[in-house]
Full PDB file with SEQRES, HELIX, SHEET, SSBOND, CRYST1, ORIGX, SCALE, CONECT and MASTER records, all heavy atoms in Angstrom:
SEQRES   1 A   35  ALA GLY LEU ALA LEU GLU THR SER LEU ILE LEU ILE TYR          
SEQRES   2 A   35  GLN SER ALA HIS GLY TYR VAL PHE THR ARG ILE GLY LEU          
SEQRES   3 A   35  MET PHE ALA SER PHE MET PHE GLY SER                          
HELIX    1 AA1 GLY A    2  HIS A   17  1                                  16    
HELIX    2 AA2 THR A   22  GLY A   34  1                                  13    
CRYST1    1.000    1.000    1.000  90.00  90.00  90.00 P 1           1          
ORIGX1      1.000000  0.000000  0.000000        0.00000                         
ORIGX2      0.000000  1.000000  0.000000        0.00000                         
ORIGX3      0.000000  0.000000  1.000000        0.00000                         
SCALE1      1.000000  0.000000  0.000000        0.00000                         
SCALE2      0.000000  1.000000  0.000000        0.00000                         
SCALE3      0.000000  0.000000  1.000000        0.00000                         
ATOM      1  N   ALA A   1     127.057 178.235  37.862  1.00  0.00           N  
ATOM      2  CA  ALA A   1     127.593 176.896  38.090  1.00  0.00           C  
ATOM      3  C   ALA A   1     126.584 176.008  38.801  1.00  0.00           C  
ATOM      4  O   ALA A   1     126.465 174.818  38.490  1.00  0.00           O  
ATOM      5  CB  ALA A   1     128.890 176.986  38.898  1.00  0.00           C  
ATOM      6  N   GLY A   2     125.856 176.583  39.754  1.00  0.00           N  
ATOM      7  CA  GLY A   2     124.862 175.795  40.480  1.00  0.00           C  
ATOM      8  C   GLY A   2     123.785 175.247  39.559  1.00  0.00           C  
ATOM      9  O   GLY A   2     123.443 174.053  39.612  1.00  0.00           O  
ATOM     10  N   LEU A   3     123.249 176.103  38.690  1.00  0.00           N  
ATOM     11  CA  LEU A   3     122.206 175.641  37.766  1.00  0.00           C  
ATOM     12  C   LEU A   3     122.780 174.765  36.664  1.00  0.00           C  
ATOM     13  O   LEU A   3     122.117 173.843  36.181  1.00  0.00           O  
ATOM     14  CB  LEU A   3     121.474 176.837  37.166  1.00  0.00           C  
ATOM     15  CG  LEU A   3     120.095 177.108  37.795  1.00  0.00           C  
ATOM     16  CD1 LEU A   3     119.091 176.021  37.428  1.00  0.00           C  
ATOM     17  CD2 LEU A   3     120.203 177.214  39.314  1.00  0.00           C  
ATOM     18  N   ALA A   4     124.022 175.025  36.257  1.00  0.00           N  
ATOM     19  CA  ALA A   4     124.661 174.158  35.272  1.00  0.00           C  
ATOM     20  C   ALA A   4     124.832 172.751  35.827  1.00  0.00           C  
ATOM     21  O   ALA A   4     124.587 171.753  35.127  1.00  0.00           O  
ATOM     22  CB  ALA A   4     126.011 174.737  34.864  1.00  0.00           C  
ATOM     23  N   LEU A   5     125.244 172.667  37.084  1.00  0.00           N  
ATOM     24  CA  LEU A   5     125.394 171.366  37.735  1.00  0.00           C  
ATOM     25  C   LEU A   5     124.048 170.652  37.822  1.00  0.00           C  
ATOM     26  O   LEU A   5     123.929 169.468  37.488  1.00  0.00           O  
ATOM     27  CB  LEU A   5     125.986 171.558  39.134  1.00  0.00           C  
ATOM     28  CG  LEU A   5     126.071 170.302  40.014  1.00  0.00           C  
ATOM     29  CD1 LEU A   5     127.121 169.341  39.451  1.00  0.00           C  
ATOM     30  CD2 LEU A   5     126.408 170.671  41.454  1.00  0.00           C  
ATOM     31  N   GLU A   6     123.041 171.374  38.270  1.00  0.00           N  
ATOM     32  CA  GLU A   6     121.715 170.784  38.431  1.00  0.00           C  
ATOM     33  C   GLU A   6     121.153 170.310  37.087  1.00  0.00           C  
ATOM     34  O   GLU A   6     120.647 169.184  36.967  1.00  0.00           O  
ATOM     35  CB  GLU A   6     120.777 171.809  39.069  1.00  0.00           C  
ATOM     36  CG  GLU A   6     119.446 171.247  39.504  1.00  0.00           C  
ATOM     37  CD  GLU A   6     118.637 172.258  40.304  1.00  0.00           C  
ATOM     38  OE1 GLU A   6     118.999 173.447  40.325  1.00  0.00           O  
ATOM     39  OE2 GLU A   6     117.638 171.844  40.904  1.00  0.00           O  
ATOM     40  N   THR A   7     121.250 171.158  36.074  1.00  0.00           N  
ATOM     41  CA  THR A   7     120.752 170.796  34.745  1.00  0.00           C  
ATOM     42  C   THR A   7     121.508 169.604  34.178  1.00  0.00           C  
ATOM     43  O   THR A   7     120.906 168.682  33.611  1.00  0.00           O  
ATOM     44  CB  THR A   7     120.878 171.994  33.784  1.00  0.00           C  
ATOM     45  OG1 THR A   7     120.185 173.116  34.332  1.00  0.00           O  
ATOM     46  CG2 THR A   7     120.295 171.664  32.423  1.00  0.00           C  
ATOM     47  N   SER A   8     122.830 169.608  34.328  1.00  0.00           N  
ATOM     48  CA  SER A   8     123.638 168.497  33.816  1.00  0.00           C  
ATOM     49  C   SER A   8     123.261 167.184  34.481  1.00  0.00           C  
ATOM     50  O   SER A   8     123.134 166.140  33.812  1.00  0.00           O  
ATOM     51  CB  SER A   8     125.126 168.780  34.039  1.00  0.00           C  
ATOM     52  OG  SER A   8     125.554 169.906  33.299  1.00  0.00           O  
ATOM     53  N   LEU A   9     123.071 167.215  35.798  1.00  0.00           N  
ATOM     54  CA  LEU A   9     122.737 165.985  36.512  1.00  0.00           C  
ATOM     55  C   LEU A   9     121.363 165.451  36.102  1.00  0.00           C  
ATOM     56  O   LEU A   9     121.184 164.239  35.969  1.00  0.00           O  
ATOM     57  CB  LEU A   9     122.782 166.240  38.020  1.00  0.00           C  
ATOM     58  CG  LEU A   9     124.186 166.227  38.628  1.00  0.00           C  
ATOM     59  CD1 LEU A   9     124.184 166.825  40.018  1.00  0.00           C  
ATOM     60  CD2 LEU A   9     124.733 164.793  38.671  1.00  0.00           C  
ATOM     61  N   ILE A  10     120.413 166.348  35.893  1.00  0.00           N  
ATOM     62  CA  ILE A  10     119.089 165.908  35.453  1.00  0.00           C  
ATOM     63  C   ILE A  10     119.166 165.276  34.066  1.00  0.00           C  
ATOM     64  O   ILE A  10     118.566 164.215  33.808  1.00  0.00           O  
ATOM     65  CB  ILE A  10     118.101 167.091  35.466  1.00  0.00           C  
ATOM     66  CG1 ILE A  10     117.789 167.494  36.914  1.00  0.00           C  
ATOM     67  CG2 ILE A  10     116.798 166.730  34.739  1.00  0.00           C  
ATOM     68  CD1 ILE A  10     116.994 168.776  37.040  1.00  0.00           C  
ATOM     69  N   LEU A  11     119.934 165.892  33.161  1.00  0.00           N  
ATOM     70  CA  LEU A  11     120.077 165.348  31.815  1.00  0.00           C  
ATOM     71  C   LEU A  11     120.841 164.019  31.824  1.00  0.00           C  
ATOM     72  O   LEU A  11     120.512 163.090  31.074  1.00  0.00           O  
ATOM     73  CB  LEU A  11     120.789 166.363  30.910  1.00  0.00           C  
ATOM     74  CG  LEU A  11     120.007 167.646  30.605  1.00  0.00           C  
ATOM     75  CD1 LEU A  11     120.873 168.627  29.833  1.00  0.00           C  
ATOM     76  CD2 LEU A  11     118.732 167.329  29.827  1.00  0.00           C  
ATOM     77  N   ILE A  12     121.865 163.933  32.668  1.00  0.00           N  
ATOM     78  CA  ILE A  12     122.622 162.681  32.783  1.00  0.00           C  
ATOM     79  C   ILE A  12     121.722 161.577  33.320  1.00  0.00           C  
ATOM     80  O   ILE A  12     121.723 160.442  32.825  1.00  0.00           O  
ATOM     81  CB  ILE A  12     123.851 162.873  33.698  1.00  0.00           C  
ATOM     82  CG1 ILE A  12     124.898 163.740  32.999  1.00  0.00           C  
ATOM     83  CG2 ILE A  12     124.459 161.524  34.071  1.00  0.00           C  
ATOM     84  CD1 ILE A  12     126.019 164.194  33.908  1.00  0.00           C  
ATOM     85  N   TYR A  13     120.938 161.903  34.334  1.00  0.00           N  
ATOM     86  CA  TYR A  13     120.025 160.909  34.907  1.00  0.00           C  
ATOM     87  C   TYR A  13     119.039 160.420  33.855  1.00  0.00           C  
ATOM     88  O   TYR A  13     118.778 159.221  33.731  1.00  0.00           O  
ATOM     89  CB  TYR A  13     119.284 161.508  36.096  1.00  0.00           C  
ATOM     90  CG  TYR A  13     118.451 160.492  36.849  1.00  0.00           C  
ATOM     91  CD1 TYR A  13     118.979 159.801  37.933  1.00  0.00           C  
ATOM     92  CD2 TYR A  13     117.144 160.205  36.468  1.00  0.00           C  
ATOM     93  CE1 TYR A  13     118.238 158.857  38.617  1.00  0.00           C  
ATOM     94  CE2 TYR A  13     116.386 159.265  37.145  1.00  0.00           C  
ATOM     95  CZ  TYR A  13     116.936 158.596  38.214  1.00  0.00           C  
ATOM     96  OH  TYR A  13     116.192 157.652  38.881  1.00  0.00           O  
ATOM     97  N   GLN A  14     118.485 161.358  33.099  1.00  0.00           N  
ATOM     98  CA  GLN A  14     117.526 160.983  32.063  1.00  0.00           C  
ATOM     99  C   GLN A  14     118.186 160.125  30.987  1.00  0.00           C  
ATOM    100  O   GLN A  14     117.599 159.146  30.502  1.00  0.00           O  
ATOM    101  CB  GLN A  14     116.925 162.233  31.430  1.00  0.00           C  
ATOM    102  CG  GLN A  14     115.796 161.949  30.452  1.00  0.00           C  
ATOM    103  CD  GLN A  14     115.174 163.220  29.918  1.00  0.00           C  
ATOM    104  OE1 GLN A  14     115.836 164.252  29.846  1.00  0.00           O  
ATOM    105  NE2 GLN A  14     113.913 163.162  29.545  1.00  0.00           N  
ATOM    106  N   SER A  15     119.409 160.460  30.604  1.00  0.00           N  
ATOM    107  CA  SER A  15     120.110 159.680  29.581  1.00  0.00           C  
ATOM    108  C   SER A  15     120.459 158.286  30.079  1.00  0.00           C  
ATOM    109  O   SER A  15     120.377 157.303  29.335  1.00  0.00           O  
ATOM    110  CB  SER A  15     121.393 160.405  29.164  1.00  0.00           C  
ATOM    111  OG  SER A  15     121.104 161.664  28.594  1.00  0.00           O  
ATOM    112  N   ALA A  16     120.851 158.186  31.346  1.00  0.00           N  
ATOM    113  CA  ALA A  16     121.291 156.905  31.894  1.00  0.00           C  
ATOM    114  C   ALA A  16     120.122 155.973  32.202  1.00  0.00           C  
ATOM    115  O   ALA A  16     120.229 154.756  32.047  1.00  0.00           O  
ATOM    116  CB  ALA A  16     122.121 157.138  33.153  1.00  0.00           C  
ATOM    117  N   HIS A  17     118.997 156.547  32.657  1.00  0.00           N  
ATOM    118  CA  HIS A  17     117.890 155.721  33.125  1.00  0.00           C  
ATOM    119  C   HIS A  17     116.675 155.769  32.209  1.00  0.00           C  
ATOM    120  O   HIS A  17     115.743 154.975  32.377  1.00  0.00           O  
ATOM    121  CB  HIS A  17     117.478 156.145  34.536  1.00  0.00           C  
ATOM    122  CG  HIS A  17     118.578 155.970  35.543  1.00  0.00           C  
ATOM    123  ND1 HIS A  17     118.857 154.762  36.154  1.00  0.00           N  
ATOM    124  CD2 HIS A  17     119.498 156.848  36.028  1.00  0.00           C  
ATOM    125  CE1 HIS A  17     119.879 154.895  36.970  1.00  0.00           C  
ATOM    126  NE2 HIS A  17     120.289 156.163  36.919  1.00  0.00           N  
ATOM    127  N   GLY A  18     116.653 156.726  31.276  1.00  0.00           N  
ATOM    128  CA  GLY A  18     115.555 156.780  30.328  1.00  0.00           C  
ATOM    129  C   GLY A  18     114.309 157.483  30.827  1.00  0.00           C  
ATOM    130  O   GLY A  18     113.328 157.600  30.110  1.00  0.00           O  
ATOM    131  N   TYR A  19     114.314 157.949  32.059  1.00  0.00           N  
ATOM    132  CA  TYR A  19     113.154 158.663  32.605  1.00  0.00           C  
ATOM    133  C   TYR A  19     113.631 159.559  33.740  1.00  0.00           C  
ATOM    134  O   TYR A  19     114.726 159.392  34.262  1.00  0.00           O  
ATOM    135  CB  TYR A  19     112.105 157.682  33.142  1.00  0.00           C  
ATOM    136  CG  TYR A  19     112.586 156.848  34.306  1.00  0.00           C  
ATOM    137  CD1 TYR A  19     112.394 157.268  35.621  1.00  0.00           C  
ATOM    138  CD2 TYR A  19     113.267 155.646  34.088  1.00  0.00           C  
ATOM    139  CE1 TYR A  19     112.862 156.506  36.683  1.00  0.00           C  
ATOM    140  CE2 TYR A  19     113.730 154.894  35.145  1.00  0.00           C  
ATOM    141  CZ  TYR A  19     113.524 155.314  36.439  1.00  0.00           C  
ATOM    142  OH  TYR A  19     113.990 154.565  37.489  1.00  0.00           O  
ATOM    143  N   VAL A  20     112.811 160.502  34.124  1.00  0.00           N  
ATOM    144  CA  VAL A  20     113.135 161.351  35.271  1.00  0.00           C  
ATOM    145  C   VAL A  20     111.895 161.573  36.126  1.00  0.00           C  
ATOM    146  O   VAL A  20     111.872 161.291  37.297  1.00  0.00           O  
ATOM    147  CB  VAL A  20     113.786 162.677  34.803  1.00  0.00           C  
ATOM    148  CG1 VAL A  20     112.797 163.675  34.313  1.00  0.00           C  
ATOM    149  CG2 VAL A  20     114.636 163.276  35.884  1.00  0.00           C  
ATOM    150  N   PHE A  21     110.833 162.074  35.554  1.00  0.00           N  
ATOM    151  CA  PHE A  21     109.509 162.217  36.136  1.00  0.00           C  
ATOM    152  C   PHE A  21     109.537 162.575  37.626  1.00  0.00           C  
ATOM    153  O   PHE A  21     109.982 163.652  37.993  1.00  0.00           O  
ATOM    154  CB  PHE A  21     108.671 160.957  35.876  1.00  0.00           C  
ATOM    155  CG  PHE A  21     108.503 160.652  34.431  1.00  0.00           C  
ATOM    156  CD1 PHE A  21     109.054 159.501  33.873  1.00  0.00           C  
ATOM    157  CD2 PHE A  21     107.837 161.534  33.601  1.00  0.00           C  
ATOM    158  CE1 PHE A  21     108.916 159.236  32.515  1.00  0.00           C  
ATOM    159  CE2 PHE A  21     107.700 161.277  32.248  1.00  0.00           C  
ATOM    160  CZ  PHE A  21     108.234 160.130  31.713  1.00  0.00           C  
ATOM    161  N   THR A  22     109.079 161.649  38.502  1.00  0.00           N  
ATOM    162  CA  THR A  22     108.951 161.989  39.923  1.00  0.00           C  
ATOM    163  C   THR A  22     110.298 162.267  40.575  1.00  0.00           C  
ATOM    164  O   THR A  22     110.364 162.993  41.569  1.00  0.00           O  
ATOM    165  CB  THR A  22     108.251 160.856  40.692  1.00  0.00           C  
ATOM    166  OG1 THR A  22     108.992 159.639  40.489  1.00  0.00           O  
ATOM    167  CG2 THR A  22     106.829 160.665  40.171  1.00  0.00           C  
ATOM    168  N   ARG A  23     111.380 161.702  40.033  1.00  0.00           N  
ATOM    169  CA  ARG A  23     112.699 161.910  40.651  1.00  0.00           C  
ATOM    170  C   ARG A  23     113.169 163.354  40.521  1.00  0.00           C  
ATOM    171  O   ARG A  23     114.016 163.791  41.295  1.00  0.00           O  
ATOM    172  CB  ARG A  23     113.727 160.989  39.984  1.00  0.00           C  
ATOM    173  CG  ARG A  23     113.444 159.509  40.142  1.00  0.00           C  
ATOM    174  CD  ARG A  23     113.685 159.049  41.570  1.00  0.00           C  
ATOM    175  NE  ARG A  23     113.341 157.658  41.744  1.00  0.00           N  
ATOM    176  CZ  ARG A  23     114.177 156.644  41.544  1.00  0.00           C  
ATOM    177  NH1 ARG A  23     115.408 156.891  41.129  1.00  0.00           N  
ATOM    178  NH2 ARG A  23     113.801 155.411  41.741  1.00  0.00           N  
ATOM    179  N   ILE A  24     112.654 164.073  39.542  1.00  0.00           N  
ATOM    180  CA  ILE A  24     113.133 165.436  39.331  1.00  0.00           C  
ATOM    181  C   ILE A  24     112.807 166.324  40.526  1.00  0.00           C  
ATOM    182  O   ILE A  24     113.581 167.202  40.901  1.00  0.00           O  
ATOM    183  CB  ILE A  24     112.562 166.032  38.021  1.00  0.00           C  
ATOM    184  CG1 ILE A  24     113.343 167.283  37.633  1.00  0.00           C  
ATOM    185  CG2 ILE A  24     111.076 166.347  38.142  1.00  0.00           C  
ATOM    186  CD1 ILE A  24     113.020 167.792  36.247  1.00  0.00           C  
ATOM    187  N   GLY A  25     111.650 166.073  41.160  1.00  0.00           N  
ATOM    188  CA  GLY A  25     111.291 166.852  42.343  1.00  0.00           C  
ATOM    189  C   GLY A  25     112.280 166.632  43.478  1.00  0.00           C  
ATOM    190  O   GLY A  25     112.684 167.577  44.168  1.00  0.00           O  
ATOM    191  N   LEU A  26     112.697 165.376  43.667  1.00  0.00           N  
ATOM    192  CA  LEU A  26     113.671 165.070  44.710  1.00  0.00           C  
ATOM    193  C   LEU A  26     115.035 165.681  44.392  1.00  0.00           C  
ATOM    194  O   LEU A  26     115.763 166.106  45.296  1.00  0.00           O  
ATOM    195  CB  LEU A  26     113.802 163.559  44.873  1.00  0.00           C  
ATOM    196  CG  LEU A  26     112.585 162.836  45.452  1.00  0.00           C  
ATOM    197  CD1 LEU A  26     112.805 161.329  45.424  1.00  0.00           C  
ATOM    198  CD2 LEU A  26     112.318 163.309  46.879  1.00  0.00           C  
ATOM    199  N   MET A  27     115.365 165.721  43.108  1.00  0.00           N  
ATOM    200  CA  MET A  27     116.644 166.310  42.721  1.00  0.00           C  
ATOM    201  C   MET A  27     116.652 167.811  42.970  1.00  0.00           C  
ATOM    202  O   MET A  27     117.627 168.363  43.492  1.00  0.00           O  
ATOM    203  CB  MET A  27     116.942 165.980  41.262  1.00  0.00           C  
ATOM    204  CG  MET A  27     117.113 164.486  41.012  1.00  0.00           C  
ATOM    205  SD  MET A  27     117.349 164.032  39.282  1.00  0.00           S  
ATOM    206  CE  MET A  27     119.106 164.310  39.102  1.00  0.00           C  
ATOM    207  N   PHE A  28     115.569 168.485  42.615  1.00  0.00           N  
ATOM    208  CA  PHE A  28     115.453 169.915  42.927  1.00  0.00           C  
ATOM    209  C   PHE A  28     115.509 170.136  44.438  1.00  0.00           C  
ATOM    210  O   PHE A  28     116.162 171.067  44.919  1.00  0.00           O  
ATOM    211  CB  PHE A  28     114.146 170.483  42.381  1.00  0.00           C  
ATOM    212  CG  PHE A  28     114.190 170.821  40.918  1.00  0.00           C  
ATOM    213  CD1 PHE A  28     113.247 170.310  40.049  1.00  0.00           C  
ATOM    214  CD2 PHE A  28     115.167 171.661  40.411  1.00  0.00           C  
ATOM    215  CE1 PHE A  28     113.284 170.618  38.701  1.00  0.00           C  
ATOM    216  CE2 PHE A  28     115.210 171.988  39.063  1.00  0.00           C  
ATOM    217  CZ  PHE A  28     114.261 171.457  38.199  1.00  0.00           C  
ATOM    218  N   ALA A  29     114.805 169.270  45.185  1.00  0.00           N  
ATOM    219  CA  ALA A  29     114.768 169.417  46.641  1.00  0.00           C  
ATOM    220  C   ALA A  29     116.153 169.251  47.248  1.00  0.00           C  
ATOM    221  O   ALA A  29     116.519 169.968  48.191  1.00  0.00           O  
ATOM    222  CB  ALA A  29     113.796 168.400  47.244  1.00  0.00           C  
ATOM    223  N   SER A  30     116.935 168.323  46.717  1.00  0.00           N  
ATOM    224  CA  SER A  30     118.294 168.113  47.235  1.00  0.00           C  
ATOM    225  C   SER A  30     119.147 169.358  47.042  1.00  0.00           C  
ATOM    226  O   SER A  30     119.880 169.782  47.954  1.00  0.00           O  
ATOM    227  CB  SER A  30     118.957 166.921  46.524  1.00  0.00           C  
ATOM    228  OG  SER A  30     118.284 165.728  46.823  1.00  0.00           O  
ATOM    229  N   PHE A  31     119.050 169.958  45.857  1.00  0.00           N  
ATOM    230  CA  PHE A  31     119.838 171.161  45.591  1.00  0.00           C  
ATOM    231  C   PHE A  31     119.411 172.311  46.504  1.00  0.00           C  
ATOM    232  O   PHE A  31     120.256 173.004  47.086  1.00  0.00           O  
ATOM    233  CB  PHE A  31     119.678 171.568  44.125  1.00  0.00           C  
ATOM    234  CG  PHE A  31     120.521 172.750  43.737  1.00  0.00           C  
ATOM    235  CD1 PHE A  31     121.843 172.585  43.360  1.00  0.00           C  
ATOM    236  CD2 PHE A  31     120.002 174.037  43.754  1.00  0.00           C  
ATOM    237  CE1 PHE A  31     122.637 173.668  43.007  1.00  0.00           C  
ATOM    238  CE2 PHE A  31     120.777 175.124  43.401  1.00  0.00           C  
ATOM    239  CZ  PHE A  31     122.095 174.941  43.031  1.00  0.00           C  
ATOM    240  N   MET A  32     118.102 172.511  46.653  1.00  0.00           N  
ATOM    241  CA  MET A  32     117.614 173.619  47.475  1.00  0.00           C  
ATOM    242  C   MET A  32     117.914 173.394  48.954  1.00  0.00           C  
ATOM    243  O   MET A  32     118.222 174.340  49.682  1.00  0.00           O  
ATOM    244  CB  MET A  32     116.115 173.814  47.250  1.00  0.00           C  
ATOM    245  CG  MET A  32     115.739 174.192  45.825  1.00  0.00           C  
ATOM    246  SD  MET A  32     116.692 175.589  45.165  1.00  0.00           S  
ATOM    247  CE  MET A  32     116.154 176.915  46.264  1.00  0.00           C  
ATOM    248  N   PHE A  33     117.827 172.138  49.411  1.00  0.00           N  
ATOM    249  CA  PHE A  33     118.168 171.847  50.803  1.00  0.00           C  
ATOM    250  C   PHE A  33     119.649 172.124  51.053  1.00  0.00           C  
ATOM    251  O   PHE A  33     120.031 172.695  52.083  1.00  0.00           O  
ATOM    252  CB  PHE A  33     117.839 170.391  51.132  1.00  0.00           C  
ATOM    253  CG  PHE A  33     118.154 170.010  52.554  1.00  0.00           C  
ATOM    254  CD1 PHE A  33     117.371 170.485  53.598  1.00  0.00           C  
ATOM    255  CD2 PHE A  33     119.235 169.196  52.844  1.00  0.00           C  
ATOM    256  CE1 PHE A  33     117.664 170.141  54.911  1.00  0.00           C  
ATOM    257  CE2 PHE A  33     119.535 168.844  54.148  1.00  0.00           C  
ATOM    258  CZ  PHE A  33     118.742 169.321  55.193  1.00  0.00           C  
ATOM    259  N   GLY A  34     120.488 171.728  50.093  1.00  0.00           N  
ATOM    260  CA  GLY A  34     121.906 172.044  50.207  1.00  0.00           C  
ATOM    261  C   GLY A  34     122.148 173.541  50.246  1.00  0.00           C  
ATOM    262  O   GLY A  34     122.985 174.026  51.018  1.00  0.00           O  
ATOM    263  N   SER A  35     121.410 174.300  49.419  1.00  0.00           N  
ATOM    264  CA  SER A  35     121.551 175.765  49.410  1.00  0.00           C  
ATOM    265  C   SER A  35     121.204 176.352  50.771  1.00  0.00           C  
ATOM    266  O   SER A  35     121.899 177.245  51.268  1.00  0.00           O  
ATOM    267  CB  SER A  35     120.639 176.374  48.340  1.00  0.00           C  
ATOM    268  OG  SER A  35     121.013 175.951  47.057  1.00  0.00           O  
TER     269      SER A  35                                                      
MASTER        0    0    0    2    0    0    0    6  268    1    0    3          
END                                                                             
């Protein structure tokens, strides 16, 4: 569930904004900090 949530959010972000690039590192960091 944790990785499904993370993957879904990254894909949603990419679909909504058209890019992810540098933001993906911050998204991974948020999940790991929460863990």
